Amino acid sequence: MDEKLALLQPDSADSTPIYLQLAKKIRAAVESGQWRSGDALPSERALMEAFGIARGTARRAFQHLEQDGTINRNRGSGTFIAPRFAPALPLLESFTEMVEPQGFRAQSELIGFLRRGPTAEEMQALQLSDEQDVVELVRLRKAGEIAIALQYSVLPAAILPASGLPEESLYHYLHSIGQPIVRATQRFRGEIADKSVARYLAMEVGEPLLLVTRTGFTREERPIEYTRSWCLNEYYDFALELKH
């Protein structure tokens, strides 16, 4: 029997339903690093033949894992461990730097680009007057073909080129003009998806997601980036280490 498949061997002495045992063992293998994002899982048939279980039992285990975001099931290509991205909070990373080390191609789809006056919230965050315009960038962030976050970024219009949006990544552009973001504050809040967010993240209106609000500062402690990211819960894993 395959070594990874052997990890899933149900315990006949355990009164827990077999499908829950399988789901628990797969989840434990992912959390321990024995199975990683993108790894293919055995098929329902492979589980049936290896453990002598019914197809419905294997299917229920996969359904359970799909519901909590542990796996992705793609008709015609199989079942895979879902990506989970763990941004290193003490470090400032671009989206590409966060995603690509984990084996996924970072993609960003520009949905909106608008120059306008700031809202009261943006004036406070970016220390602007109501006479100073901002530029709003709306981007759909993808890992491979999976949309994992909808991001609204607002910056003072004065720091962007007259031609509009730079072709390079935003963080690289800010670094190139001598205004790199060296510090940021982030706030996390649970929200539910409204219609505008749900349509881009392929989810139902009212489903839970994570809102990350970030303000980025230059070396001179000038706030120049105010970003709100609506993130799919199942693809993000935030961890903090606290010390006395």
Protein backbone atom coordinates (compact mmCIF):
# COMPACT_ATOMS: atom_id res chain seq x y z
CA MET A 1 0.00 0.00 0.00
CA ASP A 2 1.22 3.49 -0.84
CA GLU A 3 2.87 5.21 2.15
CA LYS A 4 0.54 8.22 2.03
CA LEU A 5 -2.49 6.01 1.57
CA ALA A 6 -1.45 4.00 4.63
CA LEU A 7 -1.74 7.18 6.72
CA LEU A 8 -5.49 7.07 6.17
CA GLN A 9 -6.09 3.54 7.48
CA PRO A 10 -9.30 3.68 9.55
CA ASP A 11 -9.21 2.31 13.09
CA SER A 12 -11.70 -0.54 13.44
CA ALA A 13 -11.72 -0.07 17.22
CA ASP A 14 -12.81 3.56 16.87
CA SER A 15 -16.57 4.12 17.01
CA THR A 16 -16.25 7.33 14.97
CA PRO A 17 -17.88 7.00 11.53
CA ILE A 18 -15.35 5.93 8.89
CA TYR A 19 -15.89 9.01 6.73
CA LEU A 20 -15.06 11.29 9.68
CA GLN A 21 -11.97 9.21 10.49
CA LEU A 22 -10.78 9.61 6.90
CA ALA A 23 -11.45 13.35 6.92
CA LYS A 24 -9.63 13.76 10.24
CA LYS A 25 -6.60 11.77 9.06
CA ILE A 26 -6.34 13.73 5.80
CA ARG A 27 -6.58 17.01 7.70
CA ALA A 28 -3.88 15.86 10.16
CA ALA A 29 -1.58 14.86 7.29
CA VAL A 30 -1.97 18.33 5.77
CA GLU A 31 -1.34 20.12 9.07
CA SER A 32 1.78 18.02 9.73
CA GLY A 33 3.18 18.77 6.27
CA GLN A 34 3.04 15.17 5.05
CA TRP A 35 0.66 16.34 2.34
CA ARG A 36 1.10 19.80 0.86
CA SER A 37 -0.93 22.26 -1.16
CA GLY A 38 -1.48 20.93 -4.67
CA ASP A 39 -0.83 17.26 -3.80
CA ALA A 40 -3.31 14.85 -5.38
CA LEU A 41 -5.46 12.74 -3.08
CA PRO A 42 -6.32 9.09 -3.75
CA SER A 43 -9.51 8.66 -5.73
CA GLU A 44 -12.74 7.40 -4.20
CA ARG A 45 -12.10 4.07 -5.92
CA ALA A 46 -8.58 3.84 -4.45
CA LEU A 47 -9.98 4.37 -0.95
CA MET A 48 -12.69 1.77 -1.59
CA GLU A 49 -10.18 -0.85 -2.71
CA ALA A 50 -7.57 -0.10 -0.04
CA PHE A 51 -9.89 -0.08 2.96
CA GLY A 52 -12.91 -2.09 1.82
CA ILE A 53 -15.31 0.80 2.26
CA ALA A 54 -18.33 1.91 0.26
CA ARG A 55 -18.02 4.63 -2.37
CA GLY A 56 -20.55 6.72 -0.42
CA THR A 57 -18.24 6.66 2.62
CA ALA A 58 -15.28 7.94 0.61
CA ARG A 59 -17.48 10.55 -1.04
CA ARG A 60 -18.78 11.83 2.32
CA ALA A 61 -15.20 12.20 3.60
CA PHE A 62 -14.28 14.31 0.57
CA GLN A 63 -17.45 16.37 0.85
CA HIS A 64 -16.63 17.09 4.49
CA LEU A 65 -13.12 18.25 3.57
CA GLU A 66 -14.33 20.30 0.62
CA GLN A 67 -16.78 22.16 2.85
CA ASP A 68 -14.06 23.23 5.31
CA GLY A 69 -11.65 24.25 2.53
CA THR A 70 -9.06 21.48 3.01
CA ILE A 71 -9.41 20.14 -0.53
CA ASN A 72 -10.47 21.19 -4.01
CA ARG A 73 -12.37 18.76 -6.22
CA ASN A 74 -12.03 19.31 -9.95
CA ARG A 75 -14.23 17.22 -12.19
CA GLY A 76 -12.08 15.39 -14.69
CA SER A 77 -8.75 16.12 -13.01
CA GLY A 78 -9.11 14.78 -9.47
CA THR A 79 -9.03 15.88 -5.85
CA PHE A 80 -6.21 18.05 -4.51
CA ILE A 81 -5.07 19.62 -1.26
CA ALA A 82 -6.23 23.24 -1.39
CA PRO A 83 -3.67 26.05 -1.18
CA ARG A 84 -3.40 27.90 2.11
CA PHE A 85 -1.38 31.11 2.20
CA ALA A 86 0.25 32.20 5.42
CA PRO A 87 1.44 35.80 5.05
CA ALA A 88 4.42 36.47 7.30
CA LEU A 89 2.93 39.33 9.27
CA PRO A 90 6.20 40.77 10.62
CA LEU A 91 7.44 41.08 7.01
CA LEU A 92 6.22 43.24 4.16
CA GLU A 93 5.57 41.06 1.14
CA SER A 94 3.97 41.65 -2.20
CA PHE A 95 1.22 39.27 -3.26
CA THR A 96 3.63 37.58 -5.67
CA GLU A 97 6.22 37.06 -2.94
CA MET A 98 3.58 35.44 -0.75
CA VAL A 99 2.12 33.08 -3.35
CA GLU A 100 4.92 31.92 -5.66
CA PRO A 101 7.20 30.29 -3.04
CA GLN A 102 4.32 27.90 -2.40
CA GLY A 103 4.29 26.73 -6.00
CA PHE A 104 1.45 28.86 -7.40
CA ARG A 105 1.61 31.45 -10.14
CA ALA A 106 0.45 34.81 -8.81
CA GLN A 107 -2.05 36.56 -11.05
CA SER A 108 -3.71 39.93 -10.66
CA GLU A 109 -6.70 41.00 -12.72
CA LEU A 110 -7.32 44.76 -12.80
CA ILE A 111 -11.03 45.35 -12.36
CA GLY A 112 -11.10 49.08 -11.75
CA PHE A 113 -8.82 52.13 -11.90
CA LEU A 114 -10.26 55.47 -10.85
CA ARG A 115 -9.02 58.91 -9.85
CA ARG A 116 -11.41 60.59 -7.43
CA GLY A 117 -11.76 62.56 -4.24
CA PRO A 118 -11.07 60.73 -0.97
CA THR A 119 -13.69 59.48 1.46
CA ALA A 120 -13.56 60.59 5.09
CA GLU A 121 -12.08 57.22 6.05
CA GLU A 122 -9.35 57.55 3.41
CA MET A 123 -8.52 61.13 4.39
CA GLN A 124 -7.93 59.96 7.94
CA ALA A 125 -5.90 56.90 6.95
CA LEU A 126 -3.71 58.72 4.40
CA GLN A 127 -3.61 62.10 6.19
CA LEU A 128 -5.07 63.94 3.20
CA SER A 129 -7.28 66.97 2.77
CA ASP A 130 -10.51 66.79 0.81
CA GLU A 131 -8.79 68.71 -2.01
CA GLN A 132 -6.17 65.98 -2.60
CA ASP A 133 -7.27 63.30 -5.04
CA VAL A 134 -6.64 59.61 -4.61
CA VAL A 135 -6.33 56.75 -7.07
CA GLU A 136 -8.33 53.60 -6.42
CA LEU A 137 -7.14 50.26 -7.81
CA VAL A 138 -9.50 47.28 -7.66
CA ARG A 139 -7.76 43.97 -8.28
CA LEU A 140 -8.78 40.32 -8.20
CA ARG A 141 -5.93 38.32 -6.72
CA LYS A 142 -5.45 34.77 -7.96
CA ALA A 143 -3.22 31.83 -7.11
CA GLY A 144 -3.06 30.01 -10.40
CA GLU A 145 -6.66 30.06 -11.59
CA ILE A 146 -8.14 30.31 -8.09
CA ALA A 147 -9.51 33.72 -7.07
CA ILE A 148 -8.60 34.10 -3.39
CA ALA A 149 -9.03 37.81 -2.64
CA LEU A 150 -10.69 40.99 -3.91
CA GLN A 151 -8.51 43.99 -3.13
CA TYR A 152 -9.23 47.72 -3.08
CA SER A 153 -6.07 49.85 -2.83
CA VAL A 154 -6.17 53.63 -2.45
CA LEU A 155 -3.08 55.86 -2.84
CA PRO A 156 -2.49 59.61 -3.06
CA ALA A 157 -2.85 60.48 -6.75
CA ALA A 158 0.26 62.67 -6.59
CA ILE A 159 2.63 59.70 -6.23
CA LEU A 160 1.48 57.88 -9.37
CA PRO A 161 2.83 58.69 -12.86
CA ALA A 162 0.85 61.10 -15.03
CA SER A 163 0.24 58.26 -17.48
CA GLY A 164 -1.72 56.39 -14.85
CA LEU A 165 -1.11 52.91 -13.51
CA PRO A 166 2.52 51.66 -13.57
CA GLU A 167 3.05 48.37 -15.40
CA GLU A 168 5.17 46.86 -12.62
CA SER A 169 3.84 45.74 -9.26
CA LEU A 170 2.71 48.54 -7.00
CA TYR A 171 5.30 47.80 -4.32
CA HIS A 172 8.11 47.67 -6.88
CA TYR A 173 6.97 50.98 -8.34
CA LEU A 174 6.92 52.66 -4.93
CA HIS A 175 10.42 51.35 -4.28
CA SER A 176 11.64 52.66 -7.65
CA ILE A 177 10.50 56.22 -6.87
CA GLY A 178 12.18 56.20 -3.46
CA GLN A 179 8.95 55.73 -1.49
CA PRO A 180 9.08 52.09 -0.39
CA ILE A 181 6.61 50.92 2.20
CA VAL A 182 8.70 49.94 5.21
CA ARG A 183 5.99 49.58 7.84
CA ALA A 184 2.33 48.65 7.81
CA THR A 185 -0.54 48.19 10.20
CA GLN A 186 -3.15 45.53 9.56
CA ARG A 187 -6.59 44.95 11.05
CA PHE A 188 -8.60 41.75 10.67
CA ARG A 189 -12.34 41.46 10.83
CA GLY A 190 -14.87 38.83 9.92
CA GLU A 191 -17.47 39.94 7.37
CA ILE A 192 -20.12 38.45 5.15
CA ALA A 193 -19.98 38.68 1.39
CA ASP A 194 -22.22 41.22 -0.29
CA LYS A 195 -23.24 40.95 -3.93
CA SER A 196 -20.28 42.92 -5.31
CA VAL A 197 -17.70 40.75 -3.51
CA ALA A 198 -19.50 37.43 -4.01
CA ARG A 199 -19.60 37.76 -7.81
CA TYR A 200 -15.82 38.02 -8.08
CA LEU A 201 -14.93 35.37 -5.49
CA ALA A 202 -17.42 32.79 -6.79
CA MET A 203 -19.26 32.55 -3.48
CA GLU A 204 -22.78 33.02 -2.20
CA VAL A 205 -24.03 36.33 -0.81
CA GLY A 206 -23.96 36.08 2.99
CA GLU A 207 -21.06 33.62 3.20
CA PRO A 208 -18.32 34.51 5.73
CA LEU A 209 -14.98 35.92 4.65
CA LEU A 210 -12.06 37.83 6.14
CA LEU A 211 -11.55 41.57 5.68
CA VAL A 212 -7.93 42.70 6.05
CA THR A 213 -7.42 46.47 6.24
CA ARG A 214 -3.85 47.63 5.75
CA THR A 215 -2.14 51.02 5.92
CA GLY A 216 1.41 51.23 4.56
CA PHE A 217 3.99 53.83 5.63
CA THR A 218 7.23 55.15 4.11
CA ARG A 219 10.50 55.69 6.00
CA GLU A 220 9.28 59.21 6.78
CA GLU A 221 6.19 57.69 8.45
CA ARG A 222 4.01 59.01 5.64
CA PRO A 223 0.96 56.81 4.96
CA ILE A 224 0.72 56.21 1.20
CA GLU A 225 -1.28 52.98 0.86
CA TYR A 226 -4.69 52.11 2.24
CA THR A 227 -5.86 48.67 1.18
CA ARG A 228 -8.90 46.59 2.01
CA SER A 229 -8.76 42.93 1.02
CA TRP A 230 -11.73 40.59 1.16
CA CYS A 231 -10.16 37.15 1.49
CA LEU A 232 -11.64 33.67 1.19
CA ASN A 233 -11.25 32.10 4.63
CA GLU A 234 -10.23 28.69 3.33
CA TYR A 235 -7.12 30.00 1.56
CA TYR A 236 -5.58 32.12 4.31
CA ASP A 237 -3.92 31.09 7.54
CA PHE A 238 -2.67 33.94 9.74
CA ALA A 239 -0.42 33.18 12.70
CA LEU A 240 1.12 35.46 15.32
CA GLU A 241 3.79 34.70 17.88
CA LEU A 242 3.46 36.65 21.12
CA LYS A 243 6.33 37.10 23.56
CA HIS A 244 6.47 38.55 27.04
